[in-house]
Amino acid sequence: MTFVVTESCIKCRYTDCVDVCPVDCFREGPNFLTIDPEECIDCAVCVPECPVDAIFAEEDVPADQQQFIKLNAELAPNWPTITRTHKPLPEADDWKDVKEKLQYLER
């Protein structure tokens, strides 16, 4: 089992979760983070750090977010590892409460 970054992260990309990860399993895309399922050790320390509640245990991913399990696995190998927190995207505060953002995901 692994943890999964879901839709709330799109166009926000807060990185509070990155510093606490003991195995550097986060990957950074243009406007979204993923968790590499091959690296994640299921420690859950990232979950409370996410300011938009975008991270779930795989078995707890909401029904309307299930596609993000596959998306994390698909995108993670193609994106660079991120190991340090940095500023969120400039428009993050405007997007943090927006729903149905999948069409804005940049690959």
PDB file of N, CA and C in Angstrom:
ATOM      1  N   MET A   1       0.831  -1.177   0.000  1.00  0.00           N
ATOM      2  CA  MET A   1       0.000   0.000   0.000  1.00  0.00           C
ATOM      3  C   MET A   1       0.878   1.243   0.000  1.00  0.00           C
ATOM      4  N   THR A   2       0.335   2.311  -0.497  1.00  0.00           N
ATOM      5  CA  THR A   2       1.078   3.563  -0.601  1.00  0.00           C
ATOM      6  C   THR A   2       0.142   4.724  -0.313  1.00  0.00           C
ATOM      7  N   PHE A   3       0.708   5.895  -0.275  1.00  0.00           N
ATOM      8  CA  PHE A   3      -0.093   7.109  -0.154  1.00  0.00           C
ATOM      9  C   PHE A   3      -0.192   7.754  -1.527  1.00  0.00           C
ATOM     10  N   VAL A   4      -1.250   8.548  -1.707  1.00  0.00           N
ATOM     11  CA  VAL A   4      -1.584   9.085  -3.020  1.00  0.00           C
ATOM     12  C   VAL A   4      -1.899  10.572  -2.881  1.00  0.00           C
ATOM     13  N   VAL A   5      -1.363  11.367  -3.794  1.00  0.00           N
ATOM     14  CA  VAL A   5      -1.709  12.787  -3.868  1.00  0.00           C
ATOM     15  C   VAL A   5      -2.905  12.907  -4.806  1.00  0.00           C
ATOM     16  N   THR A   6      -3.920  13.654  -4.363  1.00  0.00           N
ATOM     17  CA  THR A   6      -5.154  13.757  -5.139  1.00  0.00           C
ATOM     18  C   THR A   6      -5.369  15.175  -5.677  1.00  0.00           C
ATOM     19  N   GLU A   7      -6.523  15.384  -6.242  1.00  0.00           N
ATOM     20  CA  GLU A   7      -6.872  16.576  -7.001  1.00  0.00           C
ATOM     21  C   GLU A   7      -6.640  17.905  -6.290  1.00  0.00           C
ATOM     22  N   SER A   8      -6.794  17.956  -4.984  1.00  0.00           N
ATOM     23  CA  SER A   8      -6.642  19.224  -4.262  1.00  0.00           C
ATOM     24  C   SER A   8      -5.276  19.866  -4.468  1.00  0.00           C
ATOM     25  N   CYS A   9      -4.279  19.076  -4.820  1.00  0.00           N
ATOM     26  CA  CYS A   9      -2.918  19.593  -5.023  1.00  0.00           C
ATOM     27  C   CYS A   9      -2.767  20.360  -6.338  1.00  0.00           C
ATOM     28  N   ILE A  10      -3.612  20.061  -7.315  1.00  0.00           N
ATOM     29  CA  ILE A  10      -3.471  20.673  -8.641  1.00  0.00           C
ATOM     30  C   ILE A  10      -3.589  22.197  -8.544  1.00  0.00           C
ATOM     31  N   LYS A  11      -2.646  22.878  -9.166  1.00  0.00           N
ATOM     32  CA  LYS A  11      -2.537  24.342  -9.228  1.00  0.00           C
ATOM     33  C   LYS A  11      -2.224  24.979  -7.869  1.00  0.00           C
ATOM     34  N   CYS A  12      -1.895  24.160  -6.882  1.00  0.00           N
ATOM     35  CA  CYS A  12      -1.468  24.671  -5.570  1.00  0.00           C
ATOM     36  C   CYS A  12      -0.007  24.292  -5.335  1.00  0.00           C
ATOM     37  N   ARG A  13       0.238  22.986  -5.349  1.00  0.00           N
ATOM     38  CA  ARG A  13       1.567  22.413  -5.161  1.00  0.00           C
ATOM     39  C   ARG A  13       2.257  22.956  -3.922  1.00  0.00           C
ATOM     40  N   TYR A  14       1.524  22.905  -2.807  1.00  0.00           N
ATOM     41  CA  TYR A  14       2.163  23.195  -1.525  1.00  0.00           C
ATOM     42  C   TYR A  14       3.169  22.075  -1.281  1.00  0.00           C
ATOM     43  N   THR A  15       4.284  22.375  -0.680  1.00  0.00           N
ATOM     44  CA  THR A  15       5.318  21.351  -0.512  1.00  0.00           C
ATOM     45  C   THR A  15       5.635  21.061   0.959  1.00  0.00           C
ATOM     46  N   ASP A  16       4.733  21.391   1.840  1.00  0.00           N
ATOM     47  CA  ASP A  16       4.933  21.129   3.267  1.00  0.00           C
ATOM     48  C   ASP A  16       5.200  19.646   3.539  1.00  0.00           C
ATOM     49  N   CYS A  17       4.615  18.777   2.734  1.00  0.00           N
ATOM     50  CA  CYS A  17       4.728  17.332   2.891  1.00  0.00           C
ATOM     51  C   CYS A  17       6.123  16.805   2.591  1.00  0.00           C
ATOM     52  N   VAL A  18       6.857  17.509   1.780  1.00  0.00           N
ATOM     53  CA  VAL A  18       8.138  17.025   1.264  1.00  0.00           C
ATOM     54  C   VAL A  18       9.212  16.910   2.347  1.00  0.00           C
ATOM     55  N   ASP A  19       9.342  17.910   3.187  1.00  0.00           N
ATOM     56  CA  ASP A  19      10.393  17.912   4.211  1.00  0.00           C
ATOM     57  C   ASP A  19      10.289  16.753   5.192  1.00  0.00           C
ATOM     58  N   VAL A  20       9.093  16.281   5.461  1.00  0.00           N
ATOM     59  CA  VAL A  20       8.922  15.234   6.474  1.00  0.00           C
ATOM     60  C   VAL A  20       9.085  13.830   5.916  1.00  0.00           C
ATOM     61  N   CYS A  21       9.138  13.692   4.612  1.00  0.00           N
ATOM     62  CA  CYS A  21       9.224  12.367   4.002  1.00  0.00           C
ATOM     63  C   CYS A  21      10.604  11.750   4.258  1.00  0.00           C
ATOM     64  N   PRO A  22      10.646  10.600   4.927  1.00  0.00           N
ATOM     65  CA  PRO A  22      11.945   9.990   5.239  1.00  0.00           C
ATOM     66  C   PRO A  22      12.601   9.279   4.065  1.00  0.00           C
ATOM     67  N   VAL A  23      11.867   9.060   2.976  1.00  0.00           N
ATOM     68  CA  VAL A  23      12.433   8.317   1.851  1.00  0.00           C
ATOM     69  C   VAL A  23      12.426   9.094   0.535  1.00  0.00           C
ATOM     70  N   ASP A  24      12.112  10.366   0.581  1.00  0.00           N
ATOM     71  CA  ASP A  24      12.126  11.205  -0.625  1.00  0.00           C
ATOM     72  C   ASP A  24      11.297  10.604  -1.764  1.00  0.00           C
ATOM     73  N   CYS A  25      10.036  10.288  -1.468  1.00  0.00           N
ATOM     74  CA  CYS A  25       9.189   9.662  -2.489  1.00  0.00           C
ATOM     75  C   CYS A  25       8.343  10.659  -3.272  1.00  0.00           C
ATOM     76  N   PHE A  26       8.440  11.956  -2.962  1.00  0.00           N
ATOM     77  CA  PHE A  26       7.658  12.948  -3.699  1.00  0.00           C
ATOM     78  C   PHE A  26       8.335  13.330  -5.005  1.00  0.00           C
ATOM     79  N   ARG A  27       7.510  13.523  -6.027  1.00  0.00           N
ATOM     80  CA  ARG A  27       7.986  13.966  -7.330  1.00  0.00           C
ATOM     81  C   ARG A  27       7.233  15.242  -7.674  1.00  0.00           C
ATOM     82  N   GLU A  28       7.916  16.161  -8.360  1.00  0.00           N
ATOM     83  CA  GLU A  28       7.345  17.476  -8.652  1.00  0.00           C
ATOM     84  C   GLU A  28       7.105  17.665 -10.136  1.00  0.00           C
ATOM     85  N   GLY A  29       5.845  17.959 -10.464  1.00  0.00           N
ATOM     86  CA  GLY A  29       5.474  18.307 -11.817  1.00  0.00           C
ATOM     87  C   GLY A  29       5.228  19.799 -11.915  1.00  0.00           C
ATOM     88  N   PRO A  30       4.804  20.266 -13.060  1.00  0.00           N
ATOM     89  CA  PRO A  30       4.605  21.698 -13.257  1.00  0.00           C
ATOM     90  C   PRO A  30       3.620  22.343 -12.285  1.00  0.00           C
ATOM     91  N   ASN A  31       2.528  21.626 -11.950  1.00  0.00           N
ATOM     92  CA  ASN A  31       1.553  22.218 -11.030  1.00  0.00           C
ATOM     93  C   ASN A  31       0.917  21.192 -10.100  1.00  0.00           C
ATOM     94  N   PHE A  32       1.668  20.132  -9.776  1.00  0.00           N
ATOM     95  CA  PHE A  32       1.130  19.021  -8.985  1.00  0.00           C
ATOM     96  C   PHE A  32       2.295  18.216  -8.433  1.00  0.00           C
ATOM     97  N   LEU A  33       2.101  17.598  -7.283  1.00  0.00           N
ATOM     98  CA  LEU A  33       3.069  16.655  -6.728  1.00  0.00           C
ATOM     99  C   LEU A  33       2.503  15.251  -6.845  1.00  0.00           C
ATOM    100  N   THR A  34       3.373  14.271  -6.942  1.00  0.00           N
ATOM    101  CA  THR A  34       2.952  12.868  -6.864  1.00  0.00           C
ATOM    102  C   THR A  34       3.782  12.180  -5.798  1.00  0.00           C
ATOM    103  N   ILE A  35       3.307  11.020  -5.403  1.00  0.00           N
ATOM    104  CA  ILE A  35       4.071  10.134  -4.533  1.00  0.00           C
ATOM    105  C   ILE A  35       4.416   8.912  -5.362  1.00  0.00           C
ATOM    106  N   ASP A  36       5.688   8.581  -5.397  1.00  0.00           N
ATOM    107  CA  ASP A  36       6.120   7.400  -6.140  1.00  0.00           C
ATOM    108  C   ASP A  36       5.737   6.154  -5.326  1.00  0.00           C
ATOM    109  N   PRO A  37       4.839   5.326  -5.842  1.00  0.00           N
ATOM    110  CA  PRO A  37       4.400   4.156  -5.079  1.00  0.00           C
ATOM    111  C   PRO A  37       5.501   3.127  -4.854  1.00  0.00           C
ATOM    112  N   GLU A  38       6.542   3.193  -5.672  1.00  0.00           N
ATOM    113  CA  GLU A  38       7.671   2.269  -5.497  1.00  0.00           C
ATOM    114  C   GLU A  38       8.580   2.698  -4.337  1.00  0.00           C
ATOM    115  N   GLU A  39       8.524   3.964  -3.968  1.00  0.00           N
ATOM    116  CA  GLU A  39       9.385   4.506  -2.911  1.00  0.00           C
ATOM    117  C   GLU A  39       8.676   4.679  -1.572  1.00  0.00           C
ATOM    118  N   CYS A  40       7.374   4.937  -1.607  1.00  0.00           N
ATOM    119  CA  CYS A  40       6.611   5.220  -0.391  1.00  0.00           C
ATOM    120  C   CYS A  40       6.652   4.028   0.565  1.00  0.00           C
ATOM    121  N   ILE A  41       6.922   4.308   1.841  1.00  0.00           N
ATOM    122  CA  ILE A  41       6.999   3.241   2.844  1.00  0.00           C
ATOM    123  C   ILE A  41       5.786   3.233   3.768  1.00  0.00           C
ATOM    124  N   ASP A  42       4.744   3.980   3.397  1.00  0.00           N
ATOM    125  CA  ASP A  42       3.482   3.950   4.128  1.00  0.00           C
ATOM    126  C   ASP A  42       3.623   4.449   5.566  1.00  0.00           C
ATOM    127  N   CYS A  43       4.414   5.495   5.758  1.00  0.00           N
ATOM    128  CA  CYS A  43       4.633   6.003   7.115  1.00  0.00           C
ATOM    129  C   CYS A  43       3.581   7.019   7.555  1.00  0.00           C
ATOM    130  N   ALA A  44       2.918   7.669   6.609  1.00  0.00           N
ATOM    131  CA  ALA A  44       1.818   8.613   6.868  1.00  0.00           C
ATOM    132  C   ALA A  44       2.240   9.950   7.458  1.00  0.00           C
ATOM    133  N   VAL A  45       3.514  10.229   7.578  1.00  0.00           N
ATOM    134  CA  VAL A  45       3.916  11.515   8.176  1.00  0.00           C
ATOM    135  C   VAL A  45       3.575  12.699   7.285  1.00  0.00           C
ATOM    136  N   CYS A  46       3.387  12.476   6.007  1.00  0.00           N
ATOM    137  CA  CYS A  46       3.060  13.566   5.083  1.00  0.00           C
ATOM    138  C   CYS A  46       1.608  14.017   5.195  1.00  0.00           C
ATOM    139  N   VAL A  47       0.724  13.134   5.582  1.00  0.00           N
ATOM    140  CA  VAL A  47      -0.714  13.420   5.566  1.00  0.00           C
ATOM    141  C   VAL A  47      -1.080  14.669   6.367  1.00  0.00           C
ATOM    142  N   PRO A  48      -0.694  14.784   7.622  1.00  0.00           N
ATOM    143  CA  PRO A  48      -1.099  15.975   8.385  1.00  0.00           C
ATOM    144  C   PRO A  48      -0.403  17.256   7.939  1.00  0.00           C
ATOM    145  N   GLU A  49       0.647  17.142   7.144  1.00  0.00           N
ATOM    146  CA  GLU A  49       1.385  18.321   6.692  1.00  0.00           C
ATOM    147  C   GLU A  49       0.727  19.023   5.513  1.00  0.00           C
ATOM    148  N   CYS A  50      -0.125  18.333   4.790  1.00  0.00           N
ATOM    149  CA  CYS A  50      -0.737  18.900   3.586  1.00  0.00           C
ATOM    150  C   CYS A  50      -1.832  19.898   3.958  1.00  0.00           C
ATOM    151  N   PRO A  51      -1.660  21.169   3.584  1.00  0.00           N
ATOM    152  CA  PRO A  51      -2.633  22.188   3.962  1.00  0.00           C
ATOM    153  C   PRO A  51      -3.964  22.103   3.195  1.00  0.00           C
ATOM    154  N   VAL A  52      -4.024  21.297   2.142  1.00  0.00           N
ATOM    155  CA  VAL A  52      -5.267  21.165   1.383  1.00  0.00           C
ATOM    156  C   VAL A  52      -5.840  19.746   1.452  1.00  0.00           C
ATOM    157  N   ASP A  53      -5.333  18.943   2.364  1.00  0.00           N
ATOM    158  CA  ASP A  53      -5.834  17.568   2.559  1.00  0.00           C
ATOM    159  C   ASP A  53      -5.878  16.774   1.259  1.00  0.00           C
ATOM    160  N   ALA A  54      -4.783  16.817   0.534  1.00  0.00           N
ATOM    161  CA  ALA A  54      -4.721  16.138  -0.765  1.00  0.00           C
ATOM    162  C   ALA A  54      -4.129  14.738  -0.691  1.00  0.00           C
ATOM    163  N   ILE A  55      -3.601  14.322   0.473  1.00  0.00           N
ATOM    164  CA  ILE A  55      -2.897  13.048   0.559  1.00  0.00           C
ATOM    165  C   ILE A  55      -3.729  12.040   1.351  1.00  0.00           C
ATOM    166  N   PHE A  56      -3.895  10.851   0.735  1.00  0.00           N
ATOM    167  CA  PHE A  56      -4.679   9.784   1.352  1.00  0.00           C
ATOM    168  C   PHE A  56      -3.926   8.462   1.244  1.00  0.00           C
ATOM    169  N   ALA A  57      -4.174   7.576   2.206  1.00  0.00           N
ATOM    170  CA  ALA A  57      -3.731   6.192   2.050  1.00  0.00           C
ATOM    171  C   ALA A  57      -4.487   5.622   0.858  1.00  0.00           C
ATOM    172  N   GLU A  58      -3.854   4.765   0.101  1.00  0.00           N
ATOM    173  CA  GLU A  58      -4.467   4.239  -1.118  1.00  0.00           C
ATOM    174  C   GLU A  58      -5.866   3.676  -0.860  1.00  0.00           C
ATOM    175  N   GLU A  59      -6.029   2.957   0.216  1.00  0.00           N
ATOM    176  CA  GLU A  59      -7.341   2.361   0.491  1.00  0.00           C
ATOM    177  C   GLU A  59      -8.387   3.379   0.961  1.00  0.00           C
ATOM    178  N   ASP A  60      -7.954   4.590   1.273  1.00  0.00           N
ATOM    179  CA  ASP A  60      -8.867   5.632   1.741  1.00  0.00           C
ATOM    180  C   ASP A  60      -9.128   6.728   0.705  1.00  0.00           C
ATOM    181  N   VAL A  61      -8.581   6.574  -0.484  1.00  0.00           N
ATOM    182  CA  VAL A  61      -8.800   7.586  -1.527  1.00  0.00           C
ATOM    183  C   VAL A  61     -10.303   7.631  -1.823  1.00  0.00           C
ATOM    184  N   PRO A  62     -10.901   8.824  -1.768  1.00  0.00           N
ATOM    185  CA  PRO A  62     -12.338   8.935  -2.040  1.00  0.00           C
ATOM    186  C   PRO A  62     -12.705   8.376  -3.417  1.00  0.00           C
ATOM    187  N   ALA A  63     -13.925   7.911  -3.524  1.00  0.00           N
ATOM    188  CA  ALA A  63     -14.390   7.279  -4.770  1.00  0.00           C
ATOM    189  C   ALA A  63     -14.197   8.177  -5.983  1.00  0.00           C
ATOM    190  N   ASP A  64     -14.436   9.476  -5.823  1.00  0.00           N
ATOM    191  CA  ASP A  64     -14.310  10.381  -6.966  1.00  0.00           C
ATOM    192  C   ASP A  64     -12.865  10.768  -7.268  1.00  0.00           C
ATOM    193  N   GLN A  65     -11.911  10.226  -6.511  1.00  0.00           N
ATOM    194  CA  GLN A  65     -10.492  10.533  -6.703  1.00  0.00           C
ATOM    195  C   GLN A  65      -9.669   9.287  -7.065  1.00  0.00           C
ATOM    196  N   GLN A  66     -10.329   8.170  -7.296  1.00  0.00           N
ATOM    197  CA  GLN A  66      -9.632   6.900  -7.546  1.00  0.00           C
ATOM    198  C   GLN A  66      -8.650   6.967  -8.711  1.00  0.00           C
ATOM    199  N   GLN A  67      -8.929   7.781  -9.720  1.00  0.00           N
ATOM    200  CA  GLN A  67      -8.035   7.868 -10.873  1.00  0.00           C
ATOM    201  C   GLN A  67      -6.651   8.389 -10.478  1.00  0.00           C
ATOM    202  N   PHE A  68      -6.539   9.026  -9.312  1.00  0.00           N
ATOM    203  CA  PHE A  68      -5.246   9.560  -8.883  1.00  0.00           C
ATOM    204  C   PHE A  68      -4.289   8.472  -8.403  1.00  0.00           C
ATOM    205  N   ILE A  69      -4.796   7.313  -8.070  1.00  0.00           N
ATOM    206  CA  ILE A  69      -3.910   6.191  -7.716  1.00  0.00           C
ATOM    207  C   ILE A  69      -3.064   5.849  -8.943  1.00  0.00           C
ATOM    208  N   LYS A  70      -3.717   5.663 -10.059  1.00  0.00           N
ATOM    209  CA  LYS A  70      -3.018   5.351 -11.310  1.00  0.00           C
ATOM    210  C   LYS A  70      -2.173   6.538 -11.780  1.00  0.00           C
ATOM    211  N   LEU A  71      -2.705   7.736 -11.636  1.00  0.00           N
ATOM    212  CA  LEU A  71      -1.998   8.933 -12.084  1.00  0.00           C
ATOM    213  C   LEU A  71      -0.680   9.132 -11.337  1.00  0.00           C
ATOM    214  N   ASN A  72      -0.673   8.926 -10.010  1.00  0.00           N
ATOM    215  CA  ASN A  72       0.570   9.040  -9.247  1.00  0.00           C
ATOM    216  C   ASN A  72       1.598   8.040  -9.760  1.00  0.00           C
ATOM    217  N   ALA A  73       1.169   6.806  -9.977  1.00  0.00           N
ATOM    218  CA  ALA A  73       2.077   5.761 -10.457  1.00  0.00           C
ATOM    219  C   ALA A  73       2.586   6.058 -11.865  1.00  0.00           C
ATOM    220  N   GLU A  74       1.741   6.641 -12.683  1.00  0.00           N
ATOM    221  CA  GLU A  74       2.107   6.961 -14.064  1.00  0.00           C
ATOM    222  C   GLU A  74       3.067   8.146 -14.155  1.00  0.00           C
ATOM    223  N   LEU A  75       2.808   9.196 -13.388  1.00  0.00           N
ATOM    224  CA  LEU A  75       3.595  10.429 -13.505  1.00  0.00           C
ATOM    225  C   LEU A  75       4.896  10.411 -12.697  1.00  0.00           C
ATOM    226  N   ALA A  76       4.906   9.749 -11.570  1.00  0.00           N
ATOM    227  CA  ALA A  76       6.074   9.783 -10.679  1.00  0.00           C
ATOM    228  C   ALA A  76       7.390   9.395 -11.362  1.00  0.00           C
ATOM    229  N   PRO A  77       7.448   8.356 -12.177  1.00  0.00           N
ATOM    230  CA  PRO A  77       8.727   7.999 -12.798  1.00  0.00           C
ATOM    231  C   PRO A  77       9.264   9.046 -13.771  1.00  0.00           C
ATOM    232  N   ASN A  78       8.394   9.938 -14.237  1.00  0.00           N
ATOM    233  CA  ASN A  78       8.797  10.925 -15.232  1.00  0.00           C
ATOM    234  C   ASN A  78       9.161  12.285 -14.640  1.00  0.00           C
ATOM    235  N   TRP A  79       8.887  12.477 -13.376  1.00  0.00           N
ATOM    236  CA  TRP A  79       9.119  13.779 -12.747  1.00  0.00           C
ATOM    237  C   TRP A  79      10.271  13.701 -11.755  1.00  0.00           C
ATOM    238  N   PRO A  80      10.980  14.817 -11.546  1.00  0.00           N
ATOM    239  CA  PRO A  80      12.125  14.805 -10.628  1.00  0.00           C
ATOM    240  C   PRO A  80      11.694  14.709  -9.160  1.00  0.00           C
ATOM    241  N   THR A  81      12.567  14.125  -8.389  1.00  0.00           N
ATOM    242  CA  THR A  81      12.369  14.044  -6.939  1.00  0.00           C
ATOM    243  C   THR A  81      12.458  15.434  -6.335  1.00  0.00           C
ATOM    244  N   ILE A  82      11.592  15.712  -5.387  1.00  0.00           N
ATOM    245  CA  ILE A  82      11.652  16.971  -4.638  1.00  0.00           C
ATOM    246  C   ILE A  82      11.911  16.602  -3.175  1.00  0.00           C
ATOM    247  N   THR A  83      12.915  17.244  -2.579  1.00  0.00           N
ATOM    248  CA  THR A  83      13.302  16.898  -1.214  1.00  0.00           C
ATOM    249  C   THR A  83      13.242  18.067  -0.241  1.00  0.00           C
ATOM    250  N   ARG A  84      12.961  19.246  -0.747  1.00  0.00           N
ATOM    251  CA  ARG A  84      12.908  20.439   0.103  1.00  0.00           C
ATOM    252  C   ARG A  84      11.637  21.233  -0.173  1.00  0.00           C
ATOM    253  N   THR A  85      11.117  21.803   0.881  1.00  0.00           N
ATOM    254  CA  THR A  85       9.948  22.663   0.757  1.00  0.00           C
ATOM    255  C   THR A  85      10.340  23.963   0.065  1.00  0.00           C
ATOM    256  N   HIS A  86       9.463  24.437  -0.806  1.00  0.00           N
ATOM    257  CA  HIS A  86       9.637  25.756  -1.393  1.00  0.00           C
ATOM    258  C   HIS A  86       8.266  26.407  -1.498  1.00  0.00           C
ATOM    259  N   LYS A  87       8.221  27.601  -1.994  1.00  0.00           N
ATOM    260  CA  LYS A  87       6.962  28.339  -2.054  1.00  0.00           C
ATOM    261  C   LYS A  87       5.964  27.618  -2.949  1.00  0.00           C
ATOM    262  N   PRO A  88       4.677  27.668  -2.585  1.00  0.00           N
ATOM    263  CA  PRO A  88       3.660  27.088  -3.466  1.00  0.00           C
ATOM    264  C   PRO A  88       3.539  27.915  -4.738  1.00  0.00           C
ATOM    265  N   LEU A  89       2.743  27.432  -5.654  1.00  0.00           N
ATOM    266  CA  LEU A  89       2.509  28.196  -6.880  1.00  0.00           C
ATOM    267  C   LEU A  89       1.891  29.546  -6.526  1.00  0.00           C
ATOM    268  N   PRO A  90       2.163  30.582  -7.305  1.00  0.00           N
ATOM    269  CA  PRO A  90       1.679  31.932  -6.974  1.00  0.00           C
ATOM    270  C   PRO A  90       0.170  32.026  -6.784  1.00  0.00           C
ATOM    271  N   GLU A  91      -0.590  31.240  -7.521  1.00  0.00           N
ATOM    272  CA  GLU A  91      -2.047  31.297  -7.414  1.00  0.00           C
ATOM    273  C   GLU A  91      -2.626  30.240  -6.470  1.00  0.00           C
ATOM    274  N   ALA A  92      -1.803  29.594  -5.678  1.00  0.00           N
ATOM    275  CA  ALA A  92      -2.238  28.493  -4.815  1.00  0.00           C
ATOM    276  C   ALA A  92      -3.404  28.860  -3.912  1.00  0.00           C
ATOM    277  N   ASP A  93      -3.342  29.998  -3.275  1.00  0.00           N
ATOM    278  CA  ASP A  93      -4.435  30.382  -2.373  1.00  0.00           C
ATOM    279  C   ASP A  93      -5.757  30.561  -3.109  1.00  0.00           C
ATOM    280  N   ASP A  94      -5.701  30.973  -4.366  1.00  0.00           N
ATOM    281  CA  ASP A  94      -6.917  31.133  -5.157  1.00  0.00           C
ATOM    282  C   ASP A  94      -7.515  29.782  -5.566  1.00  0.00           C
ATOM    283  N   TRP A  95      -6.668  28.764  -5.687  1.00  0.00           N
ATOM    284  CA  TRP A  95      -7.099  27.456  -6.179  1.00  0.00           C
ATOM    285  C   TRP A  95      -7.333  26.424  -5.093  1.00  0.00           C
ATOM    286  N   LYS A  96      -6.906  26.674  -3.858  1.00  0.00           N
ATOM    287  CA  LYS A  96      -6.911  25.623  -2.836  1.00  0.00           C
ATOM    288  C   LYS A  96      -8.281  25.038  -2.533  1.00  0.00           C
ATOM    289  N   ASP A  97      -9.350  25.804  -2.687  1.00  0.00           N
ATOM    290  CA  ASP A  97     -10.692  25.303  -2.385  1.00  0.00           C
ATOM    291  C   ASP A  97     -11.503  24.956  -3.633  1.00  0.00           C
ATOM    292  N   VAL A  98     -10.895  25.062  -4.803  1.00  0.00           N
ATOM    293  CA  VAL A  98     -11.584  24.759  -6.053  1.00  0.00           C
ATOM    294  C   VAL A  98     -11.669  23.236  -6.212  1.00  0.00           C
ATOM    295  N   LYS A  99     -12.824  22.765  -6.649  1.00  0.00           N
ATOM    296  CA  LYS A  99     -13.037  21.330  -6.898  1.00  0.00           C
ATOM    297  C   LYS A  99     -12.968  21.069  -8.397  1.00  0.00           C
ATOM    298  N   GLU A 100     -12.856  19.810  -8.751  1.00  0.00           N
ATOM    299  CA  GLU A 100     -12.835  19.373 -10.152  1.00  0.00           C
ATOM    300  C   GLU A 100     -11.770  20.098 -10.978  1.00  0.00           C
ATOM    301  N   LYS A 101     -10.505  19.893 -10.591  1.00  0.00           N
ATOM    302  CA  LYS A 101      -9.376  20.567 -11.233  1.00  0.00           C
ATOM    303  C   LYS A 101      -8.567  19.667 -12.161  1.00  0.00           C
ATOM    304  N   LEU A 102      -8.986  18.446 -12.352  1.00  0.00           N
ATOM    305  CA  LEU A 102      -8.181  17.502 -13.132  1.00  0.00           C
ATOM    306  C   LEU A 102      -7.832  18.042 -14.517  1.00  0.00           C
ATOM    307  N   GLN A 103      -8.734  18.770 -15.144  1.00  0.00           N
ATOM    308  CA  GLN A 103      -8.456  19.295 -16.483  1.00  0.00           C
ATOM    309  C   GLN A 103      -7.303  20.300 -16.489  1.00  0.00           C
ATOM    310  N   TYR A 104      -6.906  20.795 -15.335  1.00  0.00           N
ATOM    311  CA  TYR A 104      -5.805  21.762 -15.236  1.00  0.00           C
ATOM    312  C   TYR A 104      -4.455  21.109 -14.941  1.00  0.00           C
ATOM    313  N   LEU A 105      -4.437  19.807 -14.742  1.00  0.00           N
ATOM    314  CA  LEU A 105      -3.189  19.110 -14.462  1.00  0.00           C
ATOM    315  C   LEU A 105      -2.247  19.217 -15.644  1.00  0.00           C
ATOM    316  N   GLU A 106      -1.049  19.733 -15.396  1.00  0.00           N
ATOM    317  CA  GLU A 106      -0.014  19.808 -16.427  1.00  0.00           C
ATOM    318  C   GLU A 106       0.931  18.644 -16.266  1.00  0.00           C
ATOM    319  N   ARG A 107       1.149  17.969 -17.351  1.00  0.00           N
ATOM    320  CA  ARG A 107       2.021  16.785 -17.312  1.00  0.00           C
ATOM    321  C   ARG A 107       3.400  17.138 -17.781  1.00  0.00           C
TER     322      ARG A 107
END
